[in-house]
Amino acid sequence: MTVGILIVSHNQIGAELINTARQMLSCCPLPTKVISIETSHTPDQIRPQLDDELKGIDQGNGILILTDMFGSTPSNIACAVSDREDVCIVSGLNLPMLVRVLNYPGLNLKELEDKAISGGQEGIVRCHHSGYKA
């Protein structure tokens, strides 16, 4: 059994990130679902889909929810289930975060949450141009 991954994001951000990660890794080692939130969606419209997706990917070891931006509608919808002990939520989804998570399919929920955070943070790097002076 593994941890399930649920991505909740604006428009197609989550779908594009998971598709890119799958291409990079040649597979998707964890059960993963995406909920794409359009600007016209309300939390009440999405909540039943959230509950259904959580049931669908739950294999007994918990669910890591990744959202694109804290305080936004996707994040707020995800936080509606933050009281569940089998759910961890991390906001600020980026490709390094997702790839890091998918590279550790054997970790438990808390360990995967830590990998998500470290992958997201360490994936943000200032790139210096040799001729650039600040």
N, C-alpha and C. Protein backbone atom coordinates (compact mmCIF):
# COMPACT_ATOMS: atom_id res chain seq x y z
N MET A 1 0.84 -1.19 0.00
CA MET A 1 0.00 0.00 0.00
C MET A 1 0.87 1.24 0.00
N THR A 2 0.40 2.29 -0.68
CA THR A 2 1.15 3.53 -0.78
C THR A 2 0.27 4.71 -0.44
N VAL A 3 0.89 5.85 -0.30
CA VAL A 3 0.18 7.10 -0.07
C VAL A 3 -0.40 7.56 -1.40
N GLY A 4 -1.63 8.06 -1.37
CA GLY A 4 -2.25 8.63 -2.56
C GLY A 4 -1.91 10.11 -2.66
N ILE A 5 -1.82 10.61 -3.88
CA ILE A 5 -1.52 12.02 -4.13
C ILE A 5 -2.71 12.64 -4.83
N LEU A 6 -3.22 13.73 -4.25
CA LEU A 6 -4.31 14.49 -4.88
C LEU A 6 -3.80 15.90 -5.12
N ILE A 7 -3.82 16.32 -6.37
CA ILE A 7 -3.42 17.67 -6.74
C ILE A 7 -4.68 18.49 -6.95
N VAL A 8 -4.77 19.62 -6.26
CA VAL A 8 -5.90 20.54 -6.41
C VAL A 8 -5.32 21.87 -6.85
N SER A 9 -5.67 22.30 -8.07
CA SER A 9 -5.02 23.49 -8.63
C SER A 9 -5.96 24.30 -9.51
N HIS A 10 -5.53 25.50 -9.81
CA HIS A 10 -6.23 26.36 -10.76
C HIS A 10 -6.11 25.78 -12.17
N ASN A 11 -7.21 25.85 -12.90
CA ASN A 11 -7.23 25.47 -14.31
C ASN A 11 -6.52 24.14 -14.53
N GLN A 12 -5.56 24.11 -15.44
CA GLN A 12 -4.89 22.85 -15.79
C GLN A 12 -3.47 22.76 -15.24
N ILE A 13 -3.13 23.60 -14.26
CA ILE A 13 -1.77 23.60 -13.72
C ILE A 13 -1.39 22.21 -13.20
N GLY A 14 -2.22 21.63 -12.37
CA GLY A 14 -1.93 20.32 -11.79
C GLY A 14 -1.83 19.23 -12.83
N ALA A 15 -2.74 19.24 -13.80
CA ALA A 15 -2.72 18.23 -14.85
C ALA A 15 -1.44 18.32 -15.68
N GLU A 16 -1.02 19.52 -15.99
CA GLU A 16 0.21 19.70 -16.77
C GLU A 16 1.44 19.29 -15.97
N LEU A 17 1.45 19.62 -14.68
CA LEU A 17 2.59 19.22 -13.85
C LEU A 17 2.69 17.71 -13.72
N ILE A 18 1.58 17.03 -13.48
CA ILE A 18 1.65 15.57 -13.34
C ILE A 18 1.99 14.92 -14.68
N ASN A 19 1.49 15.46 -15.79
CA ASN A 19 1.85 14.91 -17.10
C ASN A 19 3.34 15.07 -17.37
N THR A 20 3.89 16.22 -17.01
CA THR A 20 5.32 16.46 -17.20
C THR A 20 6.14 15.53 -16.30
N ALA A 21 5.75 15.39 -15.05
CA ALA A 21 6.47 14.50 -14.13
C ALA A 21 6.42 13.06 -14.63
N ARG A 22 5.29 12.63 -15.13
CA ARG A 22 5.18 11.26 -15.68
C ARG A 22 6.13 11.07 -16.85
N GLN A 23 6.22 12.07 -17.72
CA GLN A 23 7.13 11.98 -18.85
C GLN A 23 8.58 11.90 -18.39
N MET A 24 8.92 12.70 -17.38
CA MET A 24 10.29 12.71 -16.87
C MET A 24 10.66 11.38 -16.22
N LEU A 25 9.73 10.80 -15.48
CA LEU A 25 9.99 9.58 -14.72
C LEU A 25 9.62 8.30 -15.48
N SER A 26 8.99 8.43 -16.63
CA SER A 26 8.51 7.30 -17.44
C SER A 26 7.43 6.49 -16.75
N CYS A 27 6.88 6.99 -15.64
CA CYS A 27 5.80 6.30 -14.95
C CYS A 27 5.27 7.23 -13.86
N CYS A 28 4.29 6.75 -13.14
CA CYS A 28 3.79 7.47 -11.97
C CYS A 28 3.68 6.44 -10.85
N PRO A 29 4.68 6.40 -9.95
CA PRO A 29 4.75 5.33 -8.96
C PRO A 29 3.74 5.42 -7.81
N LEU A 30 2.98 6.48 -7.74
CA LEU A 30 1.97 6.63 -6.69
C LEU A 30 0.61 6.88 -7.33
N PRO A 31 -0.46 6.41 -6.69
CA PRO A 31 -1.80 6.72 -7.22
C PRO A 31 -2.02 8.23 -7.13
N THR A 32 -2.37 8.83 -8.25
CA THR A 32 -2.47 10.28 -8.33
C THR A 32 -3.74 10.70 -9.06
N LYS A 33 -4.40 11.71 -8.51
CA LYS A 33 -5.58 12.31 -9.14
C LYS A 33 -5.40 13.82 -9.14
N VAL A 34 -6.10 14.48 -10.05
CA VAL A 34 -6.04 15.93 -10.16
C VAL A 34 -7.45 16.50 -10.16
N ILE A 35 -7.65 17.54 -9.37
CA ILE A 35 -8.89 18.32 -9.44
C ILE A 35 -8.50 19.69 -9.98
N SER A 36 -9.08 20.05 -11.11
CA SER A 36 -8.81 21.35 -11.73
C SER A 36 -9.94 22.31 -11.40
N ILE A 37 -9.60 23.42 -10.78
CA ILE A 37 -10.60 24.40 -10.33
C ILE A 37 -10.66 25.54 -11.34
N GLU A 38 -11.82 25.74 -11.91
CA GLU A 38 -12.04 26.86 -12.83
C GLU A 38 -12.52 28.07 -12.02
N THR A 39 -12.38 29.26 -12.57
CA THR A 39 -12.77 30.47 -11.84
C THR A 39 -14.25 30.50 -11.52
N SER A 40 -15.05 29.81 -12.28
CA SER A 40 -16.50 29.81 -12.04
C SER A 40 -16.92 28.81 -10.95
N HIS A 41 -16.01 27.94 -10.52
CA HIS A 41 -16.35 26.94 -9.50
C HIS A 41 -16.42 27.57 -8.11
N THR A 42 -17.36 27.05 -7.33
CA THR A 42 -17.45 27.45 -5.92
C THR A 42 -17.00 26.28 -5.06
N PRO A 43 -16.56 26.53 -3.83
CA PRO A 43 -16.18 25.43 -2.96
C PRO A 43 -17.29 24.39 -2.79
N ASP A 44 -18.54 24.83 -2.74
CA ASP A 44 -19.65 23.89 -2.59
C ASP A 44 -19.78 22.97 -3.80
N GLN A 45 -19.42 23.45 -4.98
CA GLN A 45 -19.47 22.62 -6.18
C GLN A 45 -18.35 21.58 -6.19
N ILE A 46 -17.20 21.93 -5.66
CA ILE A 46 -16.03 21.08 -5.72
C ILE A 46 -15.95 20.07 -4.58
N ARG A 47 -16.53 20.39 -3.45
CA ARG A 47 -16.39 19.52 -2.26
C ARG A 47 -16.82 18.07 -2.53
N PRO A 48 -17.94 17.81 -3.21
CA PRO A 48 -18.28 16.40 -3.49
C PRO A 48 -17.23 15.70 -4.34
N GLN A 49 -16.65 16.42 -5.30
CA GLN A 49 -15.60 15.84 -6.13
C GLN A 49 -14.36 15.55 -5.27
N LEU A 50 -14.02 16.46 -4.37
CA LEU A 50 -12.90 16.25 -3.46
C LEU A 50 -13.11 14.98 -2.65
N ASP A 51 -14.27 14.83 -2.06
CA ASP A 51 -14.57 13.64 -1.27
C ASP A 51 -14.48 12.36 -2.10
N ASP A 52 -15.00 12.40 -3.33
CA ASP A 52 -14.95 11.24 -4.21
C ASP A 52 -13.52 10.88 -4.58
N GLU A 53 -12.72 11.88 -4.92
CA GLU A 53 -11.33 11.63 -5.31
C GLU A 53 -10.53 11.09 -4.13
N LEU A 54 -10.78 11.60 -2.93
CA LEU A 54 -10.09 11.10 -1.74
C LEU A 54 -10.40 9.62 -1.52
N LYS A 55 -11.65 9.25 -1.67
CA LYS A 55 -12.03 7.84 -1.52
C LYS A 55 -11.36 6.98 -2.60
N GLY A 56 -11.29 7.52 -3.80
CA GLY A 56 -10.75 6.76 -4.93
C GLY A 56 -9.27 6.47 -4.85
N ILE A 57 -8.50 7.34 -4.21
CA ILE A 57 -7.05 7.12 -4.16
C ILE A 57 -6.56 6.64 -2.80
N ASP A 58 -7.47 6.52 -1.85
CA ASP A 58 -7.09 6.08 -0.51
C ASP A 58 -6.81 4.59 -0.50
N GLN A 59 -5.55 4.24 -0.26
CA GLN A 59 -5.16 2.84 -0.19
C GLN A 59 -4.83 2.43 1.24
N GLY A 60 -5.19 3.27 2.19
CA GLY A 60 -5.00 2.93 3.59
C GLY A 60 -3.79 3.55 4.26
N ASN A 61 -2.94 4.22 3.49
CA ASN A 61 -1.74 4.83 4.06
C ASN A 61 -1.77 6.35 4.05
N GLY A 62 -2.92 6.93 3.78
CA GLY A 62 -3.06 8.37 3.80
C GLY A 62 -3.00 9.01 2.43
N ILE A 63 -3.28 10.30 2.41
CA ILE A 63 -3.34 11.05 1.17
C ILE A 63 -2.61 12.37 1.37
N LEU A 64 -1.71 12.66 0.44
CA LEU A 64 -1.01 13.93 0.41
C LEU A 64 -1.70 14.81 -0.63
N ILE A 65 -2.24 15.94 -0.19
CA ILE A 65 -2.87 16.89 -1.10
C ILE A 65 -1.88 18.00 -1.38
N LEU A 66 -1.64 18.25 -2.67
CA LEU A 66 -0.75 19.33 -3.10
C LEU A 66 -1.59 20.39 -3.80
N THR A 67 -1.48 21.64 -3.35
CA THR A 67 -2.22 22.74 -3.98
C THR A 67 -1.23 23.76 -4.52
N ASP A 68 -1.69 24.54 -5.49
CA ASP A 68 -0.76 25.44 -6.16
C ASP A 68 -0.46 26.73 -5.40
N MET A 69 -1.39 27.25 -4.63
CA MET A 69 -1.13 28.52 -3.96
C MET A 69 -1.94 28.63 -2.67
N PHE A 70 -1.25 28.85 -1.58
CA PHE A 70 -1.92 28.96 -0.28
C PHE A 70 -2.87 30.15 -0.27
N GLY A 71 -4.04 29.96 0.32
CA GLY A 71 -5.02 31.03 0.45
C GLY A 71 -5.94 31.19 -0.75
N SER A 72 -5.68 30.43 -1.80
CA SER A 72 -6.52 30.50 -3.00
C SER A 72 -7.65 29.48 -2.89
N THR A 73 -8.56 29.50 -3.84
CA THR A 73 -9.69 28.59 -3.80
C THR A 73 -9.27 27.11 -3.74
N PRO A 74 -8.32 26.64 -4.56
CA PRO A 74 -7.91 25.24 -4.43
C PRO A 74 -7.39 24.90 -3.04
N SER A 75 -6.59 25.78 -2.47
CA SER A 75 -6.06 25.56 -1.13
C SER A 75 -7.17 25.57 -0.09
N ASN A 76 -8.08 26.51 -0.21
CA ASN A 76 -9.19 26.60 0.74
C ASN A 76 -10.08 25.36 0.67
N ILE A 77 -10.31 24.86 -0.52
CA ILE A 77 -11.12 23.65 -0.68
C ILE A 77 -10.41 22.46 -0.03
N ALA A 78 -9.11 22.34 -0.27
CA ALA A 78 -8.34 21.25 0.32
C ALA A 78 -8.35 21.34 1.85
N CYS A 79 -8.25 22.55 2.37
CA CYS A 79 -8.20 22.72 3.83
C CYS A 79 -9.50 22.30 4.50
N ALA A 80 -10.55 22.11 3.73
CA ALA A 80 -11.82 21.65 4.30
C ALA A 80 -11.68 20.24 4.90
N VAL A 81 -10.65 19.50 4.48
CA VAL A 81 -10.44 18.16 5.02
C VAL A 81 -9.17 18.08 5.87
N SER A 82 -8.66 19.23 6.28
CA SER A 82 -7.40 19.26 7.03
C SER A 82 -7.51 18.66 8.42
N ASP A 83 -8.73 18.44 8.89
CA ASP A 83 -8.91 17.83 10.21
C ASP A 83 -8.75 16.31 10.18
N ARG A 84 -8.68 15.74 9.00
CA ARG A 84 -8.49 14.29 8.88
C ARG A 84 -7.05 13.92 9.21
N GLU A 85 -6.89 12.89 10.03
CA GLU A 85 -5.55 12.45 10.42
C GLU A 85 -4.81 11.75 9.29
N ASP A 86 -5.55 11.29 8.28
CA ASP A 86 -4.93 10.57 7.17
C ASP A 86 -4.66 11.47 5.97
N VAL A 87 -4.71 12.79 6.17
CA VAL A 87 -4.49 13.75 5.09
C VAL A 87 -3.47 14.78 5.53
N CYS A 88 -2.49 15.04 4.66
CA CYS A 88 -1.56 16.16 4.83
C CYS A 88 -1.70 17.05 3.60
N ILE A 89 -1.60 18.36 3.80
CA ILE A 89 -1.78 19.32 2.72
C ILE A 89 -0.54 20.20 2.63
N VAL A 90 0.00 20.32 1.43
CA VAL A 90 1.15 21.20 1.19
C VAL A 90 0.78 22.12 0.03
N SER A 91 0.97 23.42 0.22
CA SER A 91 0.69 24.41 -0.82
C SER A 91 2.00 24.91 -1.42
N GLY A 92 1.89 25.44 -2.63
CA GLY A 92 3.05 25.97 -3.33
C GLY A 92 3.59 24.97 -4.35
N LEU A 93 2.71 24.14 -4.87
CA LEU A 93 3.09 23.08 -5.80
C LEU A 93 3.96 23.62 -6.93
N ASN A 94 5.06 22.92 -7.16
CA ASN A 94 5.89 23.19 -8.33
C ASN A 94 6.44 21.85 -8.82
N LEU A 95 7.06 21.85 -9.97
CA LEU A 95 7.54 20.60 -10.57
C LEU A 95 8.60 19.90 -9.72
N PRO A 96 9.58 20.61 -9.15
CA PRO A 96 10.54 19.91 -8.29
C PRO A 96 9.88 19.23 -7.10
N MET A 97 8.87 19.86 -6.52
CA MET A 97 8.14 19.25 -5.40
C MET A 97 7.49 17.95 -5.83
N LEU A 98 6.81 17.99 -6.95
CA LEU A 98 6.09 16.81 -7.42
C LEU A 98 7.03 15.68 -7.79
N VAL A 99 8.11 15.99 -8.48
CA VAL A 99 9.08 14.96 -8.86
C VAL A 99 9.71 14.35 -7.61
N ARG A 100 10.02 15.18 -6.62
CA ARG A 100 10.61 14.66 -5.38
C ARG A 100 9.65 13.67 -4.71
N VAL A 101 8.39 14.05 -4.62
CA VAL A 101 7.39 13.16 -4.01
C VAL A 101 7.30 11.84 -4.75
N LEU A 102 7.24 11.91 -6.06
CA LEU A 102 7.07 10.70 -6.86
C LEU A 102 8.31 9.80 -6.84
N ASN A 103 9.45 10.36 -6.48
CA ASN A 103 10.68 9.57 -6.39
C ASN A 103 10.80 8.78 -5.10
N TYR A 104 9.86 8.97 -4.17
CA TYR A 104 9.91 8.27 -2.89
C TYR A 104 8.59 7.57 -2.59
N PRO A 105 8.17 6.65 -3.44
CA PRO A 105 6.87 6.00 -3.25
C PRO A 105 6.76 5.12 -2.02
N GLY A 106 7.87 4.74 -1.41
CA GLY A 106 7.82 3.87 -0.25
C GLY A 106 7.71 4.59 1.09
N LEU A 107 7.73 5.91 1.07
CA LEU A 107 7.67 6.66 2.33
C LEU A 107 6.25 6.72 2.87
N ASN A 108 6.16 6.94 4.18
CA ASN A 108 4.84 7.12 4.79
C ASN A 108 4.36 8.56 4.56
N LEU A 109 3.16 8.85 4.98
CA LEU A 109 2.53 10.15 4.71
C LEU A 109 3.35 11.31 5.25
N LYS A 110 3.78 11.25 6.48
CA LYS A 110 4.53 12.35 7.08
C LYS A 110 5.87 12.55 6.38
N GLU A 111 6.54 11.44 6.07
CA GLU A 111 7.82 11.53 5.36
C GLU A 111 7.64 12.13 3.97
N LEU A 112 6.55 11.75 3.29
CA LEU A 112 6.27 12.29 1.97
C LEU A 112 5.94 13.78 2.04
N GLU A 113 5.22 14.18 3.09
CA GLU A 113 4.94 15.60 3.29
C GLU A 113 6.25 16.37 3.42
N ASP A 114 7.19 15.84 4.19
CA ASP A 114 8.50 16.49 4.36
C ASP A 114 9.25 16.56 3.03
N LYS A 115 9.18 15.49 2.23
CA LYS A 115 9.84 15.49 0.91
C LYS A 115 9.22 16.53 -0.01
N ALA A 116 7.90 16.68 0.06
CA ALA A 116 7.23 17.68 -0.77
C ALA A 116 7.75 19.08 -0.42
N ILE A 117 7.83 19.36 0.86
CA ILE A 117 8.28 20.69 1.29
C ILE A 117 9.74 20.91 0.89
N SER A 118 10.60 19.95 1.16
CA SER A 118 12.01 20.12 0.82
C SER A 118 12.21 20.21 -0.70
N GLY A 119 11.47 19.40 -1.45
CA GLY A 119 11.58 19.45 -2.91
C GLY A 119 11.14 20.78 -3.47
N GLY A 120 10.05 21.32 -2.94
CA GLY A 120 9.57 22.61 -3.39
C GLY A 120 10.54 23.73 -3.07
N GLN A 121 11.05 23.72 -1.85
CA GLN A 121 11.98 24.77 -1.42
C GLN A 121 13.31 24.68 -2.16
N GLU A 122 13.86 23.48 -2.25
CA GLU A 122 15.16 23.31 -2.88
C GLU A 122 15.10 23.46 -4.41
N GLY A 123 13.89 23.40 -4.95
CA GLY A 123 13.72 23.59 -6.38
C GLY A 123 13.70 25.04 -6.80
N ILE A 124 13.71 25.93 -5.82
CA ILE A 124 13.75 27.37 -6.12
C ILE A 124 15.20 27.83 -5.98
N VAL A 125 15.79 28.20 -7.08
CA VAL A 125 17.21 28.53 -7.12
C VAL A 125 17.40 29.81 -7.93
N ARG A 126 18.22 30.68 -7.41
CA ARG A 126 18.59 31.90 -8.16
C ARG A 126 19.65 31.50 -9.17
N CYS A 127 19.41 31.79 -10.43
CA CYS A 127 20.36 31.47 -11.50
C CYS A 127 21.09 32.76 -11.87
N HIS A 128 22.38 32.74 -11.74
CA HIS A 128 23.18 33.94 -12.02
C HIS A 128 23.70 33.90 -13.45
N HIS A 129 23.58 35.03 -14.11
CA HIS A 129 24.18 35.22 -15.41
C HIS A 129 25.57 35.79 -15.17
N SER A 130 26.55 35.32 -15.88
CA SER A 130 27.93 35.73 -15.58
C SER A 130 28.14 37.23 -15.74
N GLY A 131 27.36 37.89 -16.58
CA GLY A 131 27.54 39.32 -16.79
C GLY A 131 26.62 40.16 -15.92
N TYR A 132 25.79 39.54 -15.13
CA TYR A 132 24.82 40.27 -14.31
C TYR A 132 25.47 40.73 -13.01
N LYS A 133 25.22 42.01 -12.68
CA LYS A 133 25.70 42.54 -11.41
C LYS A 133 24.54 43.18 -10.69
N ALA A 134 24.37 42.80 -9.44
CA ALA A 134 23.26 43.34 -8.65
C ALA A 134 23.68 44.56 -7.88
